[in-house]
Every structure is written in C-alpha cells, then in structure tokens.
C-alpha cells in the first residue's frame, strides 16, 4: 500500500513539474514513458516505459531509491540508485516481460 501511495506521489510530482516545462522539452519524452537518472557520480538520463512501475524488480529499485534520494527532484525525473550496467540488465529483463 505504501508503494502505491509513493507511485501516486511520483505521478503528481511529474504532472506538477510538467506544467513548469516549456513545450519543446515535454515532447522529448513520449506519452507512456518517464525520465530516470542513473549513475553514481555523473547522472545519465534515460526514458523508460511507465509500465515498468508495476514490475516487482523495478519497484524494489524504487524503494531503495526513495530511501536514498526521495522522489521530489528539480531535474524532473526519478533518480535511481544503481549503476548503469545493472540498470541495462534490469531494463532488458523488463523489456522481455513487456513483450512476452
């Protein structure tokens, strides 16, 4: 239940931040996707499917990231606590679940 309320707060935060962005910036993230920032020292931006939020593997990563970073970011996306190579592995697995 706590995760559901966290997900609701994430989506509210995105809609609030979106209202402050100019229109050209909004178009670089397709409908049904969200921005995430990955990396230990230098954060790289990635765009992932919103449906990943429903996946248990991604939810575990969200819980860890919430404890470390919280969900309210000025960059307009989620900052996730993992290394890029682990993130690539995770998204590869989630992508295969999405299309199987």
PDB file of N, CA and C in Angstrom:
ATOM      1  N   UNK A   1       0.825  -1.194   0.000  1.00  0.00           N
ATOM      2  CA  UNK A   1       0.000   0.000   0.000  1.00  0.00           C
ATOM      3  C   UNK A   1       0.869   1.258   0.000  1.00  0.00           C
ATOM      4  N   UNK A   2       1.976   1.210   0.762  1.00  0.00           N
ATOM      5  CA  UNK A   2       2.860   2.362   0.825  1.00  0.00           C
ATOM      6  C   UNK A   2       3.467   2.651  -0.543  1.00  0.00           C
ATOM      7  N   UNK A   3       3.812   1.582  -1.286  1.00  0.00           N
ATOM      8  CA  UNK A   3       4.376   1.759  -2.614  1.00  0.00           C
ATOM      9  C   UNK A   3       3.365   2.419  -3.542  1.00  0.00           C
ATOM     10  N   UNK A   4       2.090   2.034  -3.442  1.00  0.00           N
ATOM     11  CA  UNK A   4       1.055   2.641  -4.279  1.00  0.00           C
ATOM     12  C   UNK A   4       0.965   4.134  -4.010  1.00  0.00           C
ATOM     13  N   UNK A   5       1.013   4.531  -2.743  1.00  0.00           N
ATOM     14  CA  UNK A   5       0.942   5.967  -2.444  1.00  0.00           C
ATOM     15  C   UNK A   5       2.205   6.671  -2.924  1.00  0.00           C
ATOM     16  N   UNK A   6       3.356   5.980  -2.886  1.00  0.00           N
ATOM     17  CA  UNK A   6       4.589   6.561  -3.417  1.00  0.00           C
ATOM     18  C   UNK A   6       4.478   6.754  -4.919  1.00  0.00           C
ATOM     19  N   UNK A   7       3.917   5.772  -5.610  1.00  0.00           N
ATOM     20  CA  UNK A   7       3.749   5.885  -7.060  1.00  0.00           C
ATOM     21  C   UNK A   7       2.807   7.036  -7.397  1.00  0.00           C
ATOM     22  N   UNK A   8       1.743   7.197  -6.605  1.00  0.00           N
ATOM     23  CA  UNK A   8       0.827   8.313  -6.832  1.00  0.00           C
ATOM     24  C   UNK A   8       1.553   9.638  -6.638  1.00  0.00           C
ATOM     25  N   UNK A   9       2.418   9.729  -5.624  1.00  0.00           N
ATOM     26  CA  UNK A   9       3.139  10.974  -5.385  1.00  0.00           C
ATOM     27  C   UNK A   9       4.134  11.249  -6.508  1.00  0.00           C
ATOM     28  N   UNK A  10       4.725  10.192  -7.086  1.00  0.00           N
ATOM     29  CA  UNK A  10       5.634  10.365  -8.222  1.00  0.00           C
ATOM     30  C   UNK A  10       4.875  10.966  -9.394  1.00  0.00           C
ATOM     31  N   UNK A  11       3.729  10.388  -9.707  1.00  0.00           N
ATOM     32  CA  UNK A  11       2.954  10.881 -10.843  1.00  0.00           C
ATOM     33  C   UNK A  11       2.473  12.309 -10.625  1.00  0.00           C
ATOM     34  N   UNK A  12       2.087  12.655  -9.394  1.00  0.00           N
ATOM     35  CA  UNK A  12       1.696  14.036  -9.094  1.00  0.00           C
ATOM     36  C   UNK A  12       2.872  14.978  -9.301  1.00  0.00           C
ATOM     37  N   UNK A  13       4.046  14.539  -8.835  1.00  0.00           N
ATOM     38  CA  UNK A  13       5.255  15.352  -8.981  1.00  0.00           C
ATOM     39  C   UNK A  13       5.553  15.592 -10.457  1.00  0.00           C
ATOM     40  N   UNK A  14       5.428  14.541 -11.300  1.00  0.00           N
ATOM     41  CA  UNK A  14       5.674  14.685 -12.729  1.00  0.00           C
ATOM     42  C   UNK A  14       4.691  15.654 -13.369  1.00  0.00           C
ATOM     43  N   UNK A  15       3.423  15.548 -12.999  1.00  0.00           N
ATOM     44  CA  UNK A  15       2.446  16.445 -13.610  1.00  0.00           C
ATOM     45  C   UNK A  15       2.696  17.885 -13.171  1.00  0.00           C
ATOM     46  N   UNK A  16       3.098  18.070 -11.918  1.00  0.00           N
ATOM     47  CA  UNK A  16       3.403  19.415 -11.430  1.00  0.00           C
ATOM     48  C   UNK A  16       4.629  19.976 -12.148  1.00  0.00           C
ATOM     49  N   UNK A  17       5.676  19.154 -12.293  1.00  0.00           N
ATOM     50  CA  UNK A  17       6.880  19.607 -12.977  1.00  0.00           C
ATOM     51  C   UNK A  17       6.623  19.862 -14.452  1.00  0.00           C
ATOM     52  N   UNK A  18       5.772  19.060 -15.052  1.00  0.00           N
ATOM     53  CA  UNK A  18       5.471  19.230 -16.470  1.00  0.00           C
ATOM     54  C   UNK A  18       4.829  20.580 -16.749  1.00  0.00           C
ATOM     55  N   UNK A  19       4.058  21.072 -15.825  1.00  0.00           N
ATOM     56  CA  UNK A  19       3.407  22.365 -16.034  1.00  0.00           C
ATOM     57  C   UNK A  19       4.426  23.505 -16.063  1.00  0.00           C
ATOM     58  N   UNK A  20       5.617  23.292 -15.496  1.00  0.00           N
ATOM     59  CA  UNK A  20       6.653  24.322 -15.479  1.00  0.00           C
ATOM     60  C   UNK A  20       7.592  24.235 -16.680  1.00  0.00           C
ATOM     61  N   UNK A  21       7.563  23.158 -17.407  1.00  0.00           N
ATOM     62  CA  UNK A  21       8.484  22.955 -18.530  1.00  0.00           C
ATOM     63  C   UNK A  21       7.924  23.613 -19.789  1.00  0.00           C
ATOM     64  N   UNK A  22       8.850  24.013 -20.679  1.00  0.00           N
ATOM     65  CA  UNK A  22       8.349  24.540 -21.948  1.00  0.00           C
ATOM     66  C   UNK A  22       7.945  23.385 -22.861  1.00  0.00           C
ATOM     67  N   UNK A  23       7.160  23.676 -23.869  1.00  0.00           N
ATOM     68  CA  UNK A  23       6.567  22.622 -24.689  1.00  0.00           C
ATOM     69  C   UNK A  23       7.610  21.816 -25.449  1.00  0.00           C
ATOM     70  N   UNK A  24       8.674  22.416 -25.908  1.00  0.00           N
ATOM     71  CA  UNK A  24       9.669  21.649 -26.664  1.00  0.00           C
ATOM     72  C   UNK A  24      10.355  20.620 -25.767  1.00  0.00           C
ATOM     73  N   UNK A  25      10.509  20.924 -24.508  1.00  0.00           N
ATOM     74  CA  UNK A  25      11.132  19.974 -23.580  1.00  0.00           C
ATOM     75  C   UNK A  25      10.211  18.795 -23.296  1.00  0.00           C
ATOM     76  N   UNK A  26       8.917  19.040 -23.242  1.00  0.00           N
ATOM     77  CA  UNK A  26       7.961  17.969 -22.961  1.00  0.00           C
ATOM     78  C   UNK A  26       7.917  16.927 -24.066  1.00  0.00           C
ATOM     79  N   UNK A  27       8.124  17.333 -25.291  1.00  0.00           N
ATOM     80  CA  UNK A  27       7.963  16.416 -26.412  1.00  0.00           C
ATOM     81  C   UNK A  27       9.079  15.385 -26.504  1.00  0.00           C
ATOM     82  N   UNK A  28      10.173  15.558 -25.791  1.00  0.00           N
ATOM     83  CA  UNK A  28      11.257  14.587 -25.906  1.00  0.00           C
ATOM     84  C   UNK A  28      11.004  13.319 -25.091  1.00  0.00           C
ATOM     85  N   UNK A  29       9.933  13.279 -24.309  1.00  0.00           N
ATOM     86  CA  UNK A  29       9.546  12.071 -23.577  1.00  0.00           C
ATOM     87  C   UNK A  29       8.182  11.636 -24.113  1.00  0.00           C
ATOM     88  N   UNK A  30       8.143  10.512 -24.824  1.00  0.00           N
ATOM     89  CA  UNK A  30       6.877  10.077 -25.419  1.00  0.00           C
ATOM     90  C   UNK A  30       5.825   9.764 -24.361  1.00  0.00           C
ATOM     91  N   UNK A  31       4.579   9.859 -24.764  1.00  0.00           N
ATOM     92  CA  UNK A  31       3.469   9.509 -23.891  1.00  0.00           C
ATOM     93  C   UNK A  31       3.645   8.057 -23.439  1.00  0.00           C
ATOM     94  N   UNK A  32       3.408   7.792 -22.149  1.00  0.00           N
ATOM     95  CA  UNK A  32       3.548   6.443 -21.615  1.00  0.00           C
ATOM     96  C   UNK A  32       4.957   6.128 -21.132  1.00  0.00           C
ATOM     97  N   UNK A  33       5.820   7.143 -21.072  1.00  0.00           N
ATOM     98  CA  UNK A  33       7.199   6.968 -20.640  1.00  0.00           C
ATOM     99  C   UNK A  33       7.536   7.988 -19.548  1.00  0.00           C
ATOM    100  N   UNK A  34       8.655   7.784 -18.874  1.00  0.00           N
ATOM    101  CA  UNK A  34       9.133   8.746 -17.891  1.00  0.00           C
ATOM    102  C   UNK A  34      10.646   8.798 -17.905  1.00  0.00           C
ATOM    103  N   UNK A  35      11.178   9.909 -17.422  1.00  0.00           N
ATOM    104  CA  UNK A  35      12.623  10.104 -17.339  1.00  0.00           C
ATOM    105  C   UNK A  35      13.158   9.510 -16.048  1.00  0.00           C
ATOM    106  N   UNK A  36      14.309   8.858 -16.156  1.00  0.00           N
ATOM    107  CA  UNK A  36      15.027   8.405 -14.969  1.00  0.00           C
ATOM    108  C   UNK A  36      16.482   8.816 -15.127  1.00  0.00           C
ATOM    109  N   UNK A  37      17.135   9.047 -14.002  1.00  0.00           N
ATOM    110  CA  UNK A  37      18.547   9.415 -13.995  1.00  0.00           C
ATOM    111  C   UNK A  37      19.307   8.330 -13.258  1.00  0.00           C
ATOM    112  N   UNK A  38      20.362   7.828 -13.913  1.00  0.00           N
ATOM    113  CA  UNK A  38      21.135   6.695 -13.426  1.00  0.00           C
ATOM    114  C   UNK A  38      22.600   7.080 -13.362  1.00  0.00           C
ATOM    115  N   UNK A  39      23.299   6.544 -12.391  1.00  0.00           N
ATOM    116  CA  UNK A  39      24.742   6.733 -12.302  1.00  0.00           C
ATOM    117  C   UNK A  39      25.137   7.099 -10.895  1.00  0.00           C
ATOM    118  N   UNK A  40      26.361   6.747 -10.554  1.00  0.00           N
ATOM    119  CA  UNK A  40      26.811   7.009  -9.188  1.00  0.00           C
ATOM    120  C   UNK A  40      27.359   8.417  -9.028  1.00  0.00           C
ATOM    121  N   UNK A  41      28.228   8.861  -9.954  1.00  0.00           N
ATOM    122  CA  UNK A  41      28.774  10.207  -9.821  1.00  0.00           C
ATOM    123  C   UNK A  41      28.133  11.160 -10.827  1.00  0.00           C
ATOM    124  N   UNK A  42      28.153  10.766 -12.092  1.00  0.00           N
ATOM    125  CA  UNK A  42      27.530  11.574 -13.126  1.00  0.00           C
ATOM    126  C   UNK A  42      26.233  10.904 -13.556  1.00  0.00           C
ATOM    127  N   UNK A  43      25.147  11.608 -13.443  1.00  0.00           N
ATOM    128  CA  UNK A  43      23.821  11.045 -13.753  1.00  0.00           C
ATOM    129  C   UNK A  43      23.554  11.136 -15.257  1.00  0.00           C
ATOM    130  N   UNK A  44      23.177   9.997 -15.846  1.00  0.00           N
ATOM    131  CA  UNK A  44      22.750   9.953 -17.245  1.00  0.00           C
ATOM    132  C   UNK A  44      21.246   9.792 -17.287  1.00  0.00           C
ATOM    133  N   UNK A  45      20.652  10.431 -18.264  1.00  0.00           N
ATOM    134  CA  UNK A  45      19.197  10.434 -18.398  1.00  0.00           C
ATOM    135  C   UNK A  45      18.760   9.323 -19.344  1.00  0.00           C
ATOM    136  N   UNK A  46      17.711   8.583 -18.927  1.00  0.00           N
ATOM    137  CA  UNK A  46      17.116   7.534 -19.742  1.00  0.00           C
ATOM    138  C   UNK A  46      15.606   7.722 -19.724  1.00  0.00           C
ATOM    139  N   UNK A  47      14.941   7.176 -20.733  1.00  0.00           N
ATOM    140  CA  UNK A  47      13.490   7.221 -20.814  1.00  0.00           C
ATOM    141  C   UNK A  47      12.996   5.780 -20.802  1.00  0.00           C
ATOM    142  N   UNK A  48      12.086   5.471 -19.873  1.00  0.00           N
ATOM    143  CA  UNK A  48      11.578   4.104 -19.732  1.00  0.00           C
ATOM    144  C   UNK A  48      10.052   4.106 -19.782  1.00  0.00           C
ATOM    145  N   UNK A  49       9.499   2.946 -20.042  1.00  0.00           N
ATOM    146  CA  UNK A  49       8.043   2.783 -20.070  1.00  0.00           C
ATOM    147  C   UNK A  49       7.448   2.964 -18.673  1.00  0.00           C
ATOM    148  N   UNK A  50       6.337   3.631 -18.571  1.00  0.00           N
ATOM    149  CA  UNK A  50       5.654   3.782 -17.282  1.00  0.00           C
ATOM    150  C   UNK A  50       5.219   2.423 -16.741  1.00  0.00           C
ATOM    151  N   UNK A  51       4.945   1.477 -17.628  1.00  0.00           N
ATOM    152  CA  UNK A  51       4.518   0.143 -17.182  1.00  0.00           C
ATOM    153  C   UNK A  51       5.571  -0.544 -16.317  1.00  0.00           C
ATOM    154  N   UNK A  52       6.832  -0.091 -16.401  1.00  0.00           N
ATOM    155  CA  UNK A  52       7.876  -0.660 -15.531  1.00  0.00           C
ATOM    156  C   UNK A  52       7.563  -0.418 -14.057  1.00  0.00           C
ATOM    157  N   UNK A  53       6.802   0.630 -13.757  1.00  0.00           N
ATOM    158  CA  UNK A  53       6.456   0.936 -12.363  1.00  0.00           C
ATOM    159  C   UNK A  53       5.654  -0.188 -11.715  1.00  0.00           C
ATOM    160  N   UNK A  54       5.004  -1.013 -12.517  1.00  0.00           N
ATOM    161  CA  UNK A  54       4.197  -2.122 -11.987  1.00  0.00           C
ATOM    162  C   UNK A  54       5.019  -3.386 -11.744  1.00  0.00           C
ATOM    163  N   UNK A  55       6.238  -3.440 -12.249  1.00  0.00           N
ATOM    164  CA  UNK A  55       7.059  -4.641 -12.160  1.00  0.00           C
ATOM    165  C   UNK A  55       7.768  -4.733 -10.802  1.00  0.00           C
ATOM    166  N   UNK A  56       7.716  -5.897 -10.144  1.00  0.00           N
ATOM    167  CA  UNK A  56       8.346  -6.053  -8.825  1.00  0.00           C
ATOM    168  C   UNK A  56       9.839  -5.714  -8.802  1.00  0.00           C
ATOM    169  N   UNK A  57      10.578  -6.063  -9.847  1.00  0.00           N
ATOM    170  CA  UNK A  57      12.010  -5.740  -9.877  1.00  0.00           C
ATOM    171  C   UNK A  57      12.232  -4.231  -9.870  1.00  0.00           C
ATOM    172  N   UNK A  58      11.447  -3.518 -10.644  1.00  0.00           N
ATOM    173  CA  UNK A  58      11.569  -2.066 -10.704  1.00  0.00           C
ATOM    174  C   UNK A  58      11.080  -1.431  -9.401  1.00  0.00           C
ATOM    175  N   UNK A  59      10.053  -2.016  -8.799  1.00  0.00           N
ATOM    176  CA  UNK A  59       9.543  -1.499  -7.526  1.00  0.00           C
ATOM    177  C   UNK A  59      10.590  -1.624  -6.419  1.00  0.00           C
ATOM    178  N   UNK A  60      11.361  -2.712  -6.432  1.00  0.00           N
ATOM    179  CA  UNK A  60      12.450  -2.849  -5.447  1.00  0.00           C
ATOM    180  C   UNK A  60      13.461  -1.725  -5.624  1.00  0.00           C
ATOM    181  N   UNK A  61      13.813  -1.443  -6.864  1.00  0.00           N
ATOM    182  CA  UNK A  61      14.744  -0.356  -7.144  1.00  0.00           C
ATOM    183  C   UNK A  61      14.164   0.984  -6.698  1.00  0.00           C
ATOM    184  N   UNK A  62      12.867   1.180  -6.909  1.00  0.00           N
ATOM    185  CA  UNK A  62      12.206   2.414  -6.465  1.00  0.00           C
ATOM    186  C   UNK A  62      12.269   2.578  -4.950  1.00  0.00           C
ATOM    187  N   UNK A  63      12.037   1.484  -4.221  1.00  0.00           N
ATOM    188  CA  UNK A  63      12.096   1.552  -2.751  1.00  0.00           C
ATOM    189  C   UNK A  63      13.486   1.974  -2.276  1.00  0.00           C
ATOM    190  N   UNK A  64      14.510   1.344  -2.854  1.00  0.00           N
ATOM    191  CA  UNK A  64      15.885   1.699  -2.481  1.00  0.00           C
ATOM    192  C   UNK A  64      16.180   3.159  -2.815  1.00  0.00           C
ATOM    193  N   UNK A  65      15.727   3.591  -3.971  1.00  0.00           N
ATOM    194  CA  UNK A  65      15.979   4.963  -4.414  1.00  0.00           C
ATOM    195  C   UNK A  65      15.228   5.979  -3.574  1.00  0.00           C
ATOM    196  N   UNK A  66      14.012   5.628  -3.150  1.00  0.00           N
ATOM    197  CA  UNK A  66      13.242   6.532  -2.302  1.00  0.00           C
ATOM    198  C   UNK A  66      13.975   6.768  -0.989  1.00  0.00           C
ATOM    199  N   UNK A  67      14.532   5.707  -0.421  1.00  0.00           N
ATOM    200  CA  UNK A  67      15.269   5.853   0.834  1.00  0.00           C
ATOM    201  C   UNK A  67      16.505   6.724   0.657  1.00  0.00           C
ATOM    202  N   UNK A  68      17.170   6.577  -0.489  1.00  0.00           N
ATOM    203  CA  UNK A  68      18.407   7.320  -0.710  1.00  0.00           C
ATOM    204  C   UNK A  68      18.182   8.746  -1.198  1.00  0.00           C
ATOM    205  N   UNK A  69      17.238   8.942  -2.137  1.00  0.00           N
ATOM    206  CA  UNK A  69      17.075  10.237  -2.792  1.00  0.00           C
ATOM    207  C   UNK A  69      15.735  10.914  -2.537  1.00  0.00           C
ATOM    208  N   UNK A  70      14.702  10.163  -2.183  1.00  0.00           N
ATOM    209  CA  UNK A  70      13.358  10.722  -2.172  1.00  0.00           C
ATOM    210  C   UNK A  70      12.844  10.796  -3.602  1.00  0.00           C
ATOM    211  N   UNK A  71      11.673  11.379  -3.824  1.00  0.00           N
ATOM    212  CA  UNK A  71      11.088  11.407  -5.166  1.00  0.00           C
ATOM    213  C   UNK A  71      10.895  12.814  -5.722  1.00  0.00           C
ATOM    214  N   UNK A  72      11.180  13.847  -4.979  1.00  0.00           N
ATOM    215  CA  UNK A  72      10.952  15.208  -5.449  1.00  0.00           C
ATOM    216  C   UNK A  72      12.267  15.770  -5.985  1.00  0.00           C
ATOM    217  N   UNK A  73      12.404  15.827  -7.326  1.00  0.00           N
ATOM    218  CA  UNK A  73      13.656  16.255  -7.935  1.00  0.00           C
ATOM    219  C   UNK A  73      13.445  17.434  -8.865  1.00  0.00           C
ATOM    220  N   UNK A  74      14.381  18.343  -8.830  1.00  0.00           N
ATOM    221  CA  UNK A  74      14.305  19.514  -9.709  1.00  0.00           C
ATOM    222  C   UNK A  74      14.588  19.161 -11.163  1.00  0.00           C
ATOM    223  N   UNK A  75      15.242  18.015 -11.419  1.00  0.00           N
ATOM    224  CA  UNK A  75      15.560  17.615 -12.792  1.00  0.00           C
ATOM    225  C   UNK A  75      14.328  17.112 -13.524  1.00  0.00           C
ATOM    226  N   UNK A  76      13.240  16.808 -12.840  1.00  0.00           N
ATOM    227  CA  UNK A  76      12.019  16.384 -13.495  1.00  0.00           C
ATOM    228  C   UNK A  76      11.936  14.916 -13.801  1.00  0.00           C
ATOM    229  N   UNK A  77      12.705  14.098 -13.154  1.00  0.00           N
ATOM    230  CA  UNK A  77      12.661  12.657 -13.357  1.00  0.00           C
ATOM    231  C   UNK A  77      13.056  11.958 -12.078  1.00  0.00           C
ATOM    232  N   UNK A  78      13.023  10.658 -12.116  1.00  0.00           N
ATOM    233  CA  UNK A  78      13.431   9.868 -10.956  1.00  0.00           C
ATOM    234  C   UNK A  78      14.935   9.652 -10.973  1.00  0.00           C
ATOM    235  N   UNK A  79      15.571   9.778  -9.831  1.00  0.00           N
ATOM    236  CA  UNK A  79      16.962   9.398  -9.698  1.00  0.00           C
ATOM    237  C   UNK A  79      16.981   8.033  -9.036  1.00  0.00           C
ATOM    238  N   UNK A  80      17.562   7.059  -9.733  1.00  0.00           N
ATOM    239  CA  UNK A  80      17.564   5.685  -9.247  1.00  0.00           C
ATOM    240  C   UNK A  80      18.951   5.305  -8.754  1.00  0.00           C
ATOM    241  N   UNK A  81      18.975   4.585  -7.646  1.00  0.00           N
ATOM    242  CA  UNK A  81      20.244   4.214  -7.029  1.00  0.00           C
ATOM    243  C   UNK A  81      20.744   2.878  -7.572  1.00  0.00           C
ATOM    244  N   UNK A  82      21.413   2.950  -8.712  1.00  0.00           N
ATOM    245  CA  UNK A  82      22.045   1.756  -9.272  1.00  0.00           C
ATOM    246  C   UNK A  82      23.080   2.186 -10.303  1.00  0.00           C
ATOM    247  N   UNK A  83      23.952   1.257 -10.632  1.00  0.00           N
ATOM    248  CA  UNK A  83      24.947   1.514 -11.663  1.00  0.00           C
ATOM    249  C   UNK A  83      24.307   1.303 -13.030  1.00  0.00           C
ATOM    250  N   UNK A  84      24.891   1.924 -14.036  1.00  0.00           N
ATOM    251  CA  UNK A  84      24.317   1.840 -15.382  1.00  0.00           C
ATOM    252  C   UNK A  84      24.232   0.405 -15.889  1.00  0.00           C
ATOM    253  N   UNK A  85      25.267  -0.390 -15.675  1.00  0.00           N
ATOM    254  CA  UNK A  85      25.233  -1.758 -16.200  1.00  0.00           C
ATOM    255  C   UNK A  85      24.120  -2.580 -15.551  1.00  0.00           C
ATOM    256  N   UNK A  86      23.883  -2.363 -14.250  1.00  0.00           N
ATOM    257  CA  UNK A  86      22.773  -3.048 -13.588  1.00  0.00           C
ATOM    258  C   UNK A  86      21.429  -2.572 -14.136  1.00  0.00           C
ATOM    259  N   UNK A  87      21.326  -1.275 -14.408  1.00  0.00           N
ATOM    260  CA  UNK A  87      20.100  -0.713 -14.973  1.00  0.00           C
ATOM    261  C   UNK A  87      19.826  -1.303 -16.350  1.00  0.00           C
ATOM    262  N   UNK A  88      20.860  -1.443 -17.184  1.00  0.00           N
ATOM    263  CA  UNK A  88      20.688  -2.044 -18.510  1.00  0.00           C
ATOM    264  C   UNK A  88      20.202  -3.482 -18.393  1.00  0.00           C
ATOM    265  N   UNK A  89      20.755  -4.224 -17.467  1.00  0.00           N
ATOM    266  CA  UNK A  89      20.313  -5.614 -17.260  1.00  0.00           C
ATOM    267  C   UNK A  89      18.848  -5.645 -16.829  1.00  0.00           C
ATOM    268  N   UNK A  90      18.501  -4.793 -15.887  1.00  0.00           N
ATOM    269  CA  UNK A  90      17.126  -4.736 -15.389  1.00  0.00           C
ATOM    270  C   UNK A  90      16.148  -4.378 -16.505  1.00  0.00           C
ATOM    271  N   UNK A  91      16.461  -3.351 -17.283  1.00  0.00           N
ATOM    272  CA  UNK A  91      15.540  -2.943 -18.344  1.00  0.00           C
ATOM    273  C   UNK A  91      15.454  -3.990 -19.454  1.00  0.00           C
ATOM    274  N   UNK A  92      16.520  -4.732 -19.683  1.00  0.00           N
ATOM    275  CA  UNK A  92      16.472  -5.822 -20.662  1.00  0.00           C
ATOM    276  C   UNK A  92      15.487  -6.888 -20.212  1.00  0.00           C
ATOM    277  N   UNK A  93      15.539  -7.231 -18.934  1.00  0.00           N
ATOM    278  CA  UNK A  93      14.611  -8.222 -18.375  1.00  0.00           C
ATOM    279  C   UNK A  93      13.181  -7.689 -18.436  1.00  0.00           C
ATOM    280  N   UNK A  94      12.977  -6.450 -18.018  1.00  0.00           N
ATOM    281  CA  UNK A  94      11.631  -5.863 -18.016  1.00  0.00           C
ATOM    282  C   UNK A  94      11.082  -5.735 -19.430  1.00  0.00           C
ATOM    283  N   UNK A  95      11.935  -5.406 -20.365  1.00  0.00           N
ATOM    284  CA  UNK A  95      11.513  -5.289 -21.761  1.00  0.00           C
ATOM    285  C   UNK A  95      11.033  -6.636 -22.292  1.00  0.00           C
ATOM    286  N   UNK A  96      11.742  -7.709 -21.914  1.00  0.00           N
ATOM    287  CA  UNK A  96      11.329  -9.039 -22.376  1.00  0.00           C
ATOM    288  C   UNK A  96       9.995  -9.435 -21.740  1.00  0.00           C
ATOM    289  N   UNK A  97       9.743  -9.016 -20.479  1.00  0.00           N
ATOM    290  CA  UNK A  97       8.444  -9.286 -19.845  1.00  0.00           C
ATOM    291  C   UNK A  97       7.325  -8.505 -20.542  1.00  0.00           C
ATOM    292  N   UNK A  98       7.620  -7.289 -20.952  1.00  0.00           N
ATOM    293  CA  UNK A  98       6.607  -6.428 -21.567  1.00  0.00           C
ATOM    294  C   UNK A  98       6.109  -6.980 -22.890  1.00  0.00           C
ATOM    295  N   UNK A  99       6.980  -7.663 -23.608  1.00  0.00           N
ATOM    296  CA  UNK A  99       6.622  -8.130 -24.948  1.00  0.00           C
ATOM    297  C   UNK A  99       6.486  -9.640 -25.055  1.00  0.00           C
ATOM    298  N   UNK A 100       6.389 -10.316 -23.910  1.00  0.00           N
ATOM    299  CA  UNK A 100       6.214 -11.782 -23.983  1.00  0.00           C
ATOM    300  C   UNK A 100       4.761 -12.165 -23.803  1.00  0.00           C
TER     301      UNK A 100
END
